[in-house]
N, C-alpha and C. Protein backbone atom coordinates (compact mmCIF):
# COMPACT_ATOMS: atom_id res chain seq x y z
N UNK A 1 -2.85 -16.58 -22.39
CA UNK A 1 -2.58 -15.40 -21.68
C UNK A 1 -1.32 -15.26 -20.74
N UNK A 2 -0.58 -14.25 -21.00
CA UNK A 2 0.84 -14.34 -20.34
C UNK A 2 0.56 -13.38 -19.16
N UNK A 3 1.18 -13.88 -17.88
CA UNK A 3 0.93 -13.01 -16.51
C UNK A 3 1.76 -11.65 -16.68
N UNK A 4 1.26 -10.74 -16.28
CA UNK A 4 1.83 -9.36 -16.19
C UNK A 4 3.27 -9.18 -16.03
N UNK A 5 3.55 -9.88 -14.99
CA UNK A 5 4.94 -9.71 -14.53
C UNK A 5 6.22 -10.35 -15.50
N UNK A 6 5.41 -11.30 -16.52
CA UNK A 6 6.53 -11.99 -17.40
C UNK A 6 6.37 -11.29 -18.76
N UNK A 7 5.68 -10.35 -18.93
CA UNK A 7 5.32 -9.81 -20.28
C UNK A 7 6.72 -9.17 -20.72
N UNK A 8 7.36 -8.41 -20.03
CA UNK A 8 8.61 -7.87 -20.60
C UNK A 8 9.68 -8.86 -20.95
N UNK A 9 9.74 -9.94 -20.29
CA UNK A 9 10.53 -11.15 -20.86
C UNK A 9 10.10 -11.73 -22.12
N UNK A 10 8.79 -11.86 -22.14
CA UNK A 10 8.29 -12.26 -23.45
C UNK A 10 8.47 -11.46 -24.52
N UNK A 11 8.37 -10.23 -24.50
CA UNK A 11 8.53 -9.01 -25.28
C UNK A 11 10.03 -9.04 -25.86
N UNK A 12 10.97 -9.20 -24.75
CA UNK A 12 12.45 -9.10 -25.34
C UNK A 12 12.65 -10.47 -26.07
N UNK A 13 12.22 -11.54 -25.72
CA UNK A 13 12.52 -12.84 -26.52
C UNK A 13 11.80 -12.71 -27.79
N UNK A 14 10.64 -12.19 -27.93
CA UNK A 14 9.97 -12.08 -29.22
C UNK A 14 10.73 -11.18 -30.06
N UNK A 15 11.35 -10.33 -29.71
CA UNK A 15 11.98 -9.12 -30.45
C UNK A 15 13.34 -9.62 -30.81
N UNK A 16 13.77 -10.67 -30.28
CA UNK A 16 15.33 -11.28 -30.43
C UNK A 16 15.25 -12.81 -30.80
N UNK A 17 14.08 -13.22 -31.58
CA UNK A 17 13.85 -14.55 -31.86
C UNK A 17 15.14 -15.30 -32.72
N UNK A 18 15.78 -14.48 -33.30
CA UNK A 18 16.98 -15.11 -34.11
C UNK A 18 18.18 -15.06 -33.21
N UNK A 19 18.22 -14.56 -31.97
CA UNK A 19 19.45 -14.47 -31.06
C UNK A 19 19.62 -15.69 -30.58
N UNK A 20 20.95 -15.82 -30.02
CA UNK A 20 21.35 -16.84 -29.26
C UNK A 20 21.15 -16.34 -27.68
N UNK A 21 20.97 -17.50 -26.82
CA UNK A 21 20.63 -17.16 -25.52
C UNK A 21 21.76 -16.33 -24.93
N UNK A 22 22.98 -16.51 -25.30
CA UNK A 22 24.23 -15.69 -24.84
C UNK A 22 23.97 -14.19 -25.23
N UNK A 23 23.37 -13.93 -26.23
CA UNK A 23 23.13 -12.61 -26.63
C UNK A 23 21.93 -11.71 -25.71
N UNK A 24 21.11 -12.46 -25.39
CA UNK A 24 20.07 -11.78 -24.50
C UNK A 24 19.93 -12.24 -23.18
N UNK A 25 20.99 -13.06 -22.51
CA UNK A 25 20.82 -13.45 -21.10
C UNK A 25 21.04 -12.47 -20.33
N UNK A 26 21.96 -11.46 -20.43
CA UNK A 26 22.23 -10.24 -19.55
C UNK A 26 20.87 -9.46 -19.33
N UNK A 27 20.12 -9.30 -20.48
CA UNK A 27 18.96 -8.40 -20.40
C UNK A 27 17.80 -9.19 -19.60
N UNK A 28 17.69 -10.53 -19.88
CA UNK A 28 16.70 -11.39 -19.20
C UNK A 28 16.91 -11.31 -17.64
N UNK A 29 18.37 -11.62 -17.19
CA UNK A 29 18.71 -11.57 -15.93
C UNK A 29 18.26 -10.08 -15.33
N UNK A 30 18.53 -9.00 -15.93
CA UNK A 30 18.13 -7.79 -15.49
C UNK A 30 16.77 -7.69 -15.33
N UNK A 31 15.96 -8.06 -16.33
CA UNK A 31 14.35 -8.21 -16.07
C UNK A 31 13.89 -8.99 -14.85
N UNK A 32 14.68 -10.09 -14.41
CA UNK A 32 14.20 -10.91 -13.46
C UNK A 32 14.87 -10.72 -12.00
N UNK A 33 15.95 -9.79 -12.14
CA UNK A 33 16.61 -9.38 -10.76
C UNK A 33 15.59 -8.70 -9.78
N UNK A 34 15.98 -8.90 -8.58
CA UNK A 34 15.50 -8.06 -7.55
C UNK A 34 16.19 -6.69 -7.45
N UNK A 35 15.50 -5.77 -7.18
CA UNK A 35 15.96 -4.35 -7.29
C UNK A 35 16.65 -4.03 -6.04
N UNK A 36 17.60 -3.40 -5.93
CA UNK A 36 18.33 -2.94 -4.79
C UNK A 36 17.47 -2.21 -3.70
N UNK A 37 17.45 -2.39 -2.58
CA UNK A 37 16.79 -1.43 -1.68
C UNK A 37 17.45 -0.25 -1.13
N UNK A 38 18.77 -0.14 -1.61
CA UNK A 38 19.44 1.17 -1.23
C UNK A 38 18.90 2.40 -2.03
N UNK A 39 18.67 3.39 -0.98
CA UNK A 39 17.94 4.61 -1.60
C UNK A 39 16.63 4.39 -2.57
N UNK A 40 16.04 3.36 -2.14
CA UNK A 40 14.79 2.98 -2.95
C UNK A 40 13.76 3.80 -2.70
N UNK A 41 12.94 4.03 -3.72
CA UNK A 41 11.62 4.75 -3.74
C UNK A 41 10.58 3.92 -4.22
N UNK A 42 9.73 3.12 -3.51
CA UNK A 42 8.66 2.36 -4.09
C UNK A 42 7.49 3.20 -4.32
N UNK A 43 6.38 2.92 -4.80
CA UNK A 43 5.32 3.69 -4.89
C UNK A 43 4.78 4.11 -3.72
N UNK A 44 4.97 3.34 -2.47
CA UNK A 44 4.47 3.48 -1.36
C UNK A 44 5.77 3.59 -0.05
N UNK A 45 6.72 3.62 -0.42
CA UNK A 45 7.80 3.82 0.65
C UNK A 45 9.09 4.39 0.17
N UNK A 46 9.73 5.04 1.20
CA UNK A 46 11.09 5.66 1.02
C UNK A 46 12.26 5.00 1.88
N UNK A 47 13.40 4.82 1.23
CA UNK A 47 14.46 4.19 2.04
C UNK A 47 15.64 5.35 2.00
N UNK A 48 16.25 5.40 2.86
CA UNK A 48 17.51 6.29 2.75
C UNK A 48 18.49 5.53 1.89
N UNK A 49 19.80 6.29 1.78
CA UNK A 49 20.93 5.65 0.92
C UNK A 49 21.62 4.52 1.62
N UNK A 50 21.17 4.27 3.01
CA UNK A 50 21.70 3.18 3.69
C UNK A 50 20.72 1.97 3.55
N UNK A 51 19.63 2.15 3.13
CA UNK A 51 18.71 1.11 3.02
C UNK A 51 17.68 0.98 3.98
N UNK A 52 17.60 2.14 5.14
CA UNK A 52 16.51 1.95 6.17
C UNK A 52 15.37 2.57 5.65
N UNK A 53 14.19 2.01 5.84
CA UNK A 53 12.91 2.65 5.70
C UNK A 53 12.67 3.83 6.57
N UNK A 54 12.44 4.94 5.76
CA UNK A 54 12.23 6.25 6.61
C UNK A 54 10.92 6.76 6.43
N UNK A 55 10.14 6.39 5.42
CA UNK A 55 8.85 6.79 5.29
C UNK A 55 7.85 5.79 4.38
N UNK A 56 6.51 5.68 4.85
CA UNK A 56 5.86 4.65 4.22
C UNK A 56 4.53 5.44 3.84
N UNK A 57 3.86 5.24 2.71
CA UNK A 57 2.59 5.90 2.47
C UNK A 57 1.60 4.73 2.88
N UNK A 58 0.99 5.11 4.09
CA UNK A 58 -0.10 4.42 4.86
C UNK A 58 -1.23 3.98 3.77
N UNK A 59 -1.52 2.73 3.61
CA UNK A 59 -2.35 2.01 2.84
C UNK A 59 -3.87 2.46 3.38
N UNK A 60 -4.04 2.59 4.69
CA UNK A 60 -5.26 3.14 5.13
C UNK A 60 -5.55 4.58 4.93
N UNK A 61 -4.79 5.49 5.34
CA UNK A 61 -4.95 6.81 5.56
C UNK A 61 -4.49 7.35 4.17
N UNK A 62 -3.76 6.85 3.18
CA UNK A 62 -3.47 7.25 1.87
C UNK A 62 -2.39 8.53 2.27
N UNK A 63 -1.71 8.61 3.14
CA UNK A 63 -0.75 9.63 3.66
C UNK A 63 0.67 9.04 3.67
N UNK A 64 1.68 10.09 3.53
CA UNK A 64 2.99 9.61 3.67
C UNK A 64 3.30 9.81 5.19
N UNK A 65 3.80 8.71 5.82
CA UNK A 65 4.13 8.75 7.39
C UNK A 65 5.58 8.61 7.43
N UNK A 66 6.22 9.49 8.15
CA UNK A 66 7.58 9.29 8.31
C UNK A 66 8.01 8.19 9.56
N UNK A 67 9.15 7.56 9.58
CA UNK A 67 9.32 6.70 10.66
C UNK A 67 10.38 7.18 11.45
N UNK A 68 10.80 8.29 11.14
CA UNK A 68 11.96 9.03 11.82
C UNK A 68 11.48 10.37 12.30
N UNK A 69 12.17 11.18 13.28
CA UNK A 69 11.88 12.57 13.56
C UNK A 69 10.74 12.67 14.62
N UNK A 70 10.65 13.95 14.81
CA UNK A 70 9.51 14.39 15.74
C UNK A 70 7.95 14.01 15.19
N UNK A 71 7.86 13.89 14.00
CA UNK A 71 6.52 13.49 13.43
C UNK A 71 6.48 11.87 13.16
N UNK A 72 7.48 11.09 13.59
CA UNK A 72 7.35 9.69 13.29
C UNK A 72 5.99 8.83 13.78
N UNK A 73 5.79 8.12 13.13
CA UNK A 73 4.45 7.32 12.91
C UNK A 73 4.81 5.99 13.31
N UNK A 74 4.13 5.22 14.17
CA UNK A 74 4.18 3.78 14.52
C UNK A 74 3.74 2.87 13.59
N UNK A 75 4.67 1.81 12.92
CA UNK A 75 4.13 0.79 12.11
C UNK A 75 4.66 -0.46 12.97
N UNK A 76 3.55 -1.45 12.66
CA UNK A 76 3.89 -2.75 12.97
C UNK A 76 5.08 -3.53 12.17
N UNK A 77 6.02 -4.37 12.60
CA UNK A 77 6.92 -5.07 11.88
C UNK A 77 6.43 -5.98 10.91
N UNK A 78 6.90 -6.34 9.65
CA UNK A 78 6.36 -7.39 8.80
C UNK A 78 7.52 -7.97 8.08
N UNK A 79 8.11 -8.94 8.63
CA UNK A 79 9.39 -9.38 8.09
C UNK A 79 9.59 -9.45 6.57
N UNK A 80 8.71 -10.04 6.02
CA UNK A 80 8.82 -10.57 4.56
C UNK A 80 8.27 -9.39 3.58
N UNK A 81 8.47 -8.08 3.92
CA UNK A 81 8.02 -7.23 2.95
C UNK A 81 9.34 -6.33 2.40
N UNK A 82 9.20 -5.59 1.61
CA UNK A 82 10.25 -4.71 1.17
C UNK A 82 10.68 -3.73 2.01
N UNK A 83 9.70 -3.18 2.75
CA UNK A 83 10.05 -2.32 4.02
C UNK A 83 10.37 -2.64 5.18
N UNK A 84 10.08 -4.03 5.73
CA UNK A 84 10.14 -4.59 6.87
C UNK A 84 9.06 -4.30 7.95
N UNK A 85 8.06 -3.42 7.33
CA UNK A 85 6.84 -2.89 8.24
C UNK A 85 5.46 -3.46 7.45
N UNK A 86 4.58 -3.45 8.30
CA UNK A 86 3.02 -3.29 7.86
C UNK A 86 2.84 -2.01 6.88
N UNK A 87 1.91 -2.40 5.97
CA UNK A 87 1.52 -1.31 4.90
C UNK A 87 0.64 -0.36 5.52
N UNK A 88 0.04 -0.66 6.85
CA UNK A 88 -0.70 0.45 7.36
C UNK A 88 -0.04 0.79 8.81
N UNK A 89 -0.21 2.09 9.04
CA UNK A 89 0.36 2.39 10.40
C UNK A 89 -0.52 1.72 11.52
N UNK A 90 0.01 1.84 12.80
CA UNK A 90 -0.73 1.03 13.91
C UNK A 90 -2.24 1.51 14.14
N UNK A 91 -2.29 2.97 13.92
CA UNK A 91 -3.66 3.56 14.16
C UNK A 91 -4.62 3.33 12.80
N UNK A 92 -3.97 3.17 11.74
CA UNK A 92 -4.78 2.81 10.47
C UNK A 92 -5.22 1.31 10.80
N UNK A 93 -4.44 0.44 11.20
CA UNK A 93 -4.88 -0.91 11.42
C UNK A 93 -6.15 -1.05 12.17
N UNK A 94 -5.81 -0.22 13.50
CA UNK A 94 -7.09 -0.15 14.48
C UNK A 94 -8.36 0.23 13.68
N UNK A 95 -8.25 1.45 12.99
CA UNK A 95 -9.70 1.96 12.49
C UNK A 95 -10.05 0.91 11.38
N UNK A 96 -9.22 0.31 10.41
CA UNK A 96 -9.50 -0.75 9.60
C UNK A 96 -10.03 -2.02 10.21
N UNK A 97 -9.42 -2.54 11.11
CA UNK A 97 -10.07 -3.69 11.74
C UNK A 97 -11.29 -3.25 12.54
N UNK A 98 -11.49 -2.30 13.13
CA UNK A 98 -12.90 -1.84 13.77
C UNK A 98 -13.96 -1.84 12.58
N UNK A 99 -13.65 -1.07 11.55
CA UNK A 99 -14.48 -0.88 10.49
C UNK A 99 -14.98 -2.51 9.72
N UNK A 100 -13.94 -3.34 9.50
CA UNK A 100 -14.23 -4.64 9.27
C UNK A 100 -15.28 -5.46 9.99
N UNK A 101 -14.94 -5.20 11.22
CA UNK A 101 -15.67 -5.95 12.34
C UNK A 101 -17.15 -5.50 12.34
N UNK A 102 -17.21 -4.18 12.40
CA UNK A 102 -18.58 -3.35 12.50
C UNK A 102 -19.49 -3.83 11.12
N UNK A 103 -18.77 -3.92 10.16
CA UNK A 103 -19.42 -4.19 8.87
C UNK A 103 -20.02 -5.66 8.86
N UNK A 104 -19.16 -6.61 9.31
CA UNK A 104 -19.46 -8.12 9.52
C UNK A 104 -20.81 -8.11 10.42
N UNK A 105 -20.61 -7.53 11.56
CA UNK A 105 -21.79 -7.47 12.46
C UNK A 105 -23.10 -6.78 11.95
N UNK A 106 -22.95 -5.60 11.15
CA UNK A 106 -24.01 -5.20 10.67
C UNK A 106 -24.68 -5.88 9.71
N UNK A 107 -23.94 -6.60 8.71
CA UNK A 107 -24.43 -7.54 7.63
C UNK A 107 -25.11 -8.86 8.36
N UNK A 108 -24.63 -9.29 9.46
CA UNK A 108 -25.20 -10.25 10.19
C UNK A 108 -26.69 -9.80 10.95
N UNK A 109 -26.63 -8.52 11.26
CA UNK A 109 -27.65 -8.05 11.96
C UNK A 109 -28.83 -7.65 10.90
N UNK A 110 -28.47 -7.70 9.79
CA UNK A 110 -29.53 -7.34 8.78
C UNK A 110 -30.53 -8.42 8.47
N UNK A 111 -30.23 -9.59 8.63
CA UNK A 111 -31.17 -10.74 8.44
C UNK A 111 -32.18 -10.50 9.68
N UNK A 112 -31.74 -10.21 10.84
CA UNK A 112 -32.49 -10.25 11.99
C UNK A 112 -33.58 -8.76 11.80
N UNK A 113 -33.18 -7.87 11.26
CA UNK A 113 -33.84 -6.76 11.02
C UNK A 113 -34.91 -6.87 10.05
N UNK A 114 -34.60 -7.68 9.08
CA UNK A 114 -35.59 -8.02 8.16
C UNK A 114 -36.70 -9.00 8.55
N UNK A 115 -36.27 -9.94 9.40
CA UNK A 115 -37.19 -10.95 10.13
C UNK A 115 -38.05 -10.35 11.12
N UNK A 116 -37.63 -9.04 11.79
CA UNK A 116 -38.36 -8.45 12.80
C UNK A 116 -39.28 -7.28 12.07
N UNK A 117 -38.77 -7.21 10.91
CA UNK A 117 -39.99 -6.13 10.02
C UNK A 117 -39.36 -4.69 10.25
N UNK A 118 -38.13 -4.69 10.77
CA UNK A 118 -37.52 -3.32 10.70
C UNK A 118 -37.06 -2.72 9.35
N UNK A 119 -36.77 -3.63 8.36
CA UNK A 119 -36.22 -3.35 7.23
C UNK A 119 -37.01 -4.19 6.05
N UNK A 120 -37.60 -3.50 5.18
CA UNK A 120 -38.27 -4.38 4.22
C UNK A 120 -37.26 -5.09 3.27
N UNK A 121 -37.56 -6.28 2.70
CA UNK A 121 -36.96 -7.18 2.08
C UNK A 121 -36.27 -6.35 0.64
N UNK A 122 -37.09 -5.43 0.32
CA UNK A 122 -36.61 -4.75 -0.98
C UNK A 122 -35.63 -3.55 -0.81
N UNK A 123 -35.41 -3.43 0.56
CA UNK A 123 -34.49 -2.45 1.03
C UNK A 123 -33.21 -3.03 1.41
N UNK A 124 -33.12 -4.27 1.30
CA UNK A 124 -31.78 -5.09 1.70
C UNK A 124 -30.53 -4.44 0.98
N UNK A 125 -30.56 -4.38 -0.22
CA UNK A 125 -29.44 -4.02 -1.04
C UNK A 125 -28.83 -2.42 -0.82
N UNK A 126 -29.97 -1.67 -0.51
CA UNK A 126 -29.84 -0.23 -0.16
C UNK A 126 -28.95 -0.28 1.48
N UNK A 127 -29.33 -1.21 2.23
CA UNK A 127 -28.81 -1.07 3.54
C UNK A 127 -27.40 -1.70 3.21
N UNK A 128 -27.14 -2.91 2.58
CA UNK A 128 -25.94 -3.31 2.27
C UNK A 128 -24.95 -2.21 1.79
N UNK A 129 -25.40 -1.47 0.95
CA UNK A 129 -24.55 -0.41 0.36
C UNK A 129 -24.17 0.61 1.26
N UNK A 130 -25.14 1.00 2.18
CA UNK A 130 -24.93 1.76 3.37
C UNK A 130 -23.54 1.22 4.23
N UNK A 131 -23.50 0.04 4.55
CA UNK A 131 -22.70 -0.69 5.38
C UNK A 131 -21.51 -0.68 4.59
N UNK A 132 -21.35 -1.05 3.50
CA UNK A 132 -20.15 -1.03 2.60
C UNK A 132 -19.40 0.31 2.51
N UNK A 133 -20.29 1.44 2.29
CA UNK A 133 -19.95 2.78 2.23
C UNK A 133 -19.04 2.97 3.66
N UNK A 134 -19.82 2.56 4.68
CA UNK A 134 -19.20 2.87 5.95
C UNK A 134 -17.85 2.18 6.22
N UNK A 135 -18.05 1.01 5.85
CA UNK A 135 -16.75 0.01 5.81
C UNK A 135 -15.51 0.65 5.10
N UNK A 136 -15.65 1.04 3.97
CA UNK A 136 -14.67 1.63 3.10
C UNK A 136 -14.23 3.18 3.58
N UNK A 137 -15.06 3.88 4.40
CA UNK A 137 -14.61 5.15 4.64
C UNK A 137 -13.20 5.57 5.33
N UNK A 138 -12.69 6.28 5.23
CA UNK A 138 -11.34 6.55 5.85
C UNK A 138 -11.53 7.78 7.00
N UNK A 139 -11.19 7.33 8.10
CA UNK A 139 -11.19 8.46 9.15
C UNK A 139 -10.27 9.36 9.07
N UNK A 140 -10.31 10.76 9.22
CA UNK A 140 -9.58 11.67 9.03
C UNK A 140 -8.37 11.71 10.05
N UNK A 141 -7.13 12.25 9.59
CA UNK A 141 -6.21 12.26 10.59
C UNK A 141 -5.09 13.16 10.23
N UNK A 142 -4.54 13.69 11.25
CA UNK A 142 -3.47 14.79 11.11
C UNK A 142 -2.05 14.19 10.96
N UNK A 143 -1.94 12.86 11.03
CA UNK A 143 -0.65 12.10 10.96
C UNK A 143 -0.01 12.24 9.69
N UNK A 144 1.09 12.18 9.58
CA UNK A 144 1.72 12.31 8.38
C UNK A 144 1.84 13.55 7.51
N UNK A 145 1.96 13.41 6.22
CA UNK A 145 1.79 14.47 5.22
C UNK A 145 1.12 13.86 3.94
N UNK A 146 0.32 14.95 3.40
CA UNK A 146 -0.74 14.35 2.28
C UNK A 146 0.23 14.31 0.88
N UNK A 147 1.24 14.75 0.56
CA UNK A 147 1.91 14.89 -0.54
C UNK A 147 3.34 14.27 -0.52
N UNK A 148 3.84 13.81 -1.71
CA UNK A 148 5.31 13.52 -1.75
C UNK A 148 5.93 14.72 -1.58
N UNK A 149 5.71 15.88 -1.96
CA UNK A 149 6.51 17.17 -1.66
C UNK A 149 6.72 17.43 -0.29
N UNK A 150 5.61 17.31 0.61
CA UNK A 150 5.55 17.53 2.18
C UNK A 150 6.49 16.66 2.83
N UNK A 151 6.36 15.24 2.17
CA UNK A 151 7.36 14.29 2.95
C UNK A 151 8.90 14.49 2.49
N UNK A 152 8.92 14.79 1.41
CA UNK A 152 10.25 15.15 0.91
C UNK A 152 11.05 16.13 1.54
N UNK A 153 10.33 17.21 1.79
CA UNK A 153 10.83 18.35 2.55
C UNK A 153 11.05 18.14 4.02
N UNK A 154 10.04 17.35 4.61
CA UNK A 154 10.37 16.84 6.09
C UNK A 154 11.57 15.89 6.08
N UNK A 155 11.74 15.07 5.35
CA UNK A 155 12.79 14.24 5.36
C UNK A 155 14.12 15.03 5.19
N UNK A 156 14.24 16.01 4.21
CA UNK A 156 15.32 16.82 4.05
C UNK A 156 15.76 17.62 5.27
N UNK A 157 14.69 18.13 5.85
CA UNK A 157 15.00 18.85 7.04
C UNK A 157 15.32 18.04 8.26
N UNK A 158 15.26 16.76 8.18
CA UNK A 158 15.75 15.75 9.25
C UNK A 158 17.01 15.45 8.76
N UNK A 159 17.68 16.06 7.76
CA UNK A 159 18.98 15.74 7.33
C UNK A 159 19.36 14.45 6.75
N UNK A 160 18.31 13.79 6.11
CA UNK A 160 18.45 12.34 5.51
C UNK A 160 18.90 12.45 4.10
N UNK A 161 19.63 11.44 3.69
CA UNK A 161 20.04 11.55 2.23
C UNK A 161 19.00 10.30 1.56
N UNK A 162 18.16 10.56 0.54
CA UNK A 162 17.35 9.56 0.00
C UNK A 162 16.97 9.99 -1.52
N UNK A 163 16.42 9.05 -2.14
CA UNK A 163 15.81 9.42 -3.55
C UNK A 163 14.34 9.77 -3.11
N UNK A 164 14.09 11.09 -3.36
CA UNK A 164 12.71 11.78 -3.21
C UNK A 164 11.54 10.95 -3.74
N UNK A 165 10.45 10.98 -2.98
CA UNK A 165 9.46 10.28 -3.71
C UNK A 165 8.53 11.14 -4.62
N UNK A 166 8.07 10.66 -5.52
CA UNK A 166 7.37 11.51 -6.77
C UNK A 166 5.82 11.24 -6.81
N UNK A 167 5.24 10.43 -5.98
CA UNK A 167 3.90 10.37 -6.09
C UNK A 167 3.19 10.50 -4.58
């Protein structure tokens, strides 16, 4: 089984079995090269034409959050990422952390509730499903923008030059 990341290289080599290395090396190098971050649009971030991250799609809220202008949303920094920022805004991290903690505590308390007779053993799976549903829920927010079109319009109104988001 070939790792997904290497499949394009294998496909290229398979389609050029009789070629010399010098015939395909430029294509292989292109496949394995890091992409430029100038004006880059990832599936979850936008950089301006100078390479500055100007918007991130928050992993928690699933909304586009600008890092510039009046509607700017705060993100923690994270050095070894394509954006230089965390994938969740600070408010999203706060909600996510709280939900993880509460789910862990609720699961730990479940055994006590069974032992005390508050929950029947046959209802444990249903209770765990409720805990998991609460853990995965997303708190509503007015931060950021719901669509790529909305964030693109906002960034254009801020006078920024960038490659527009498409998703």
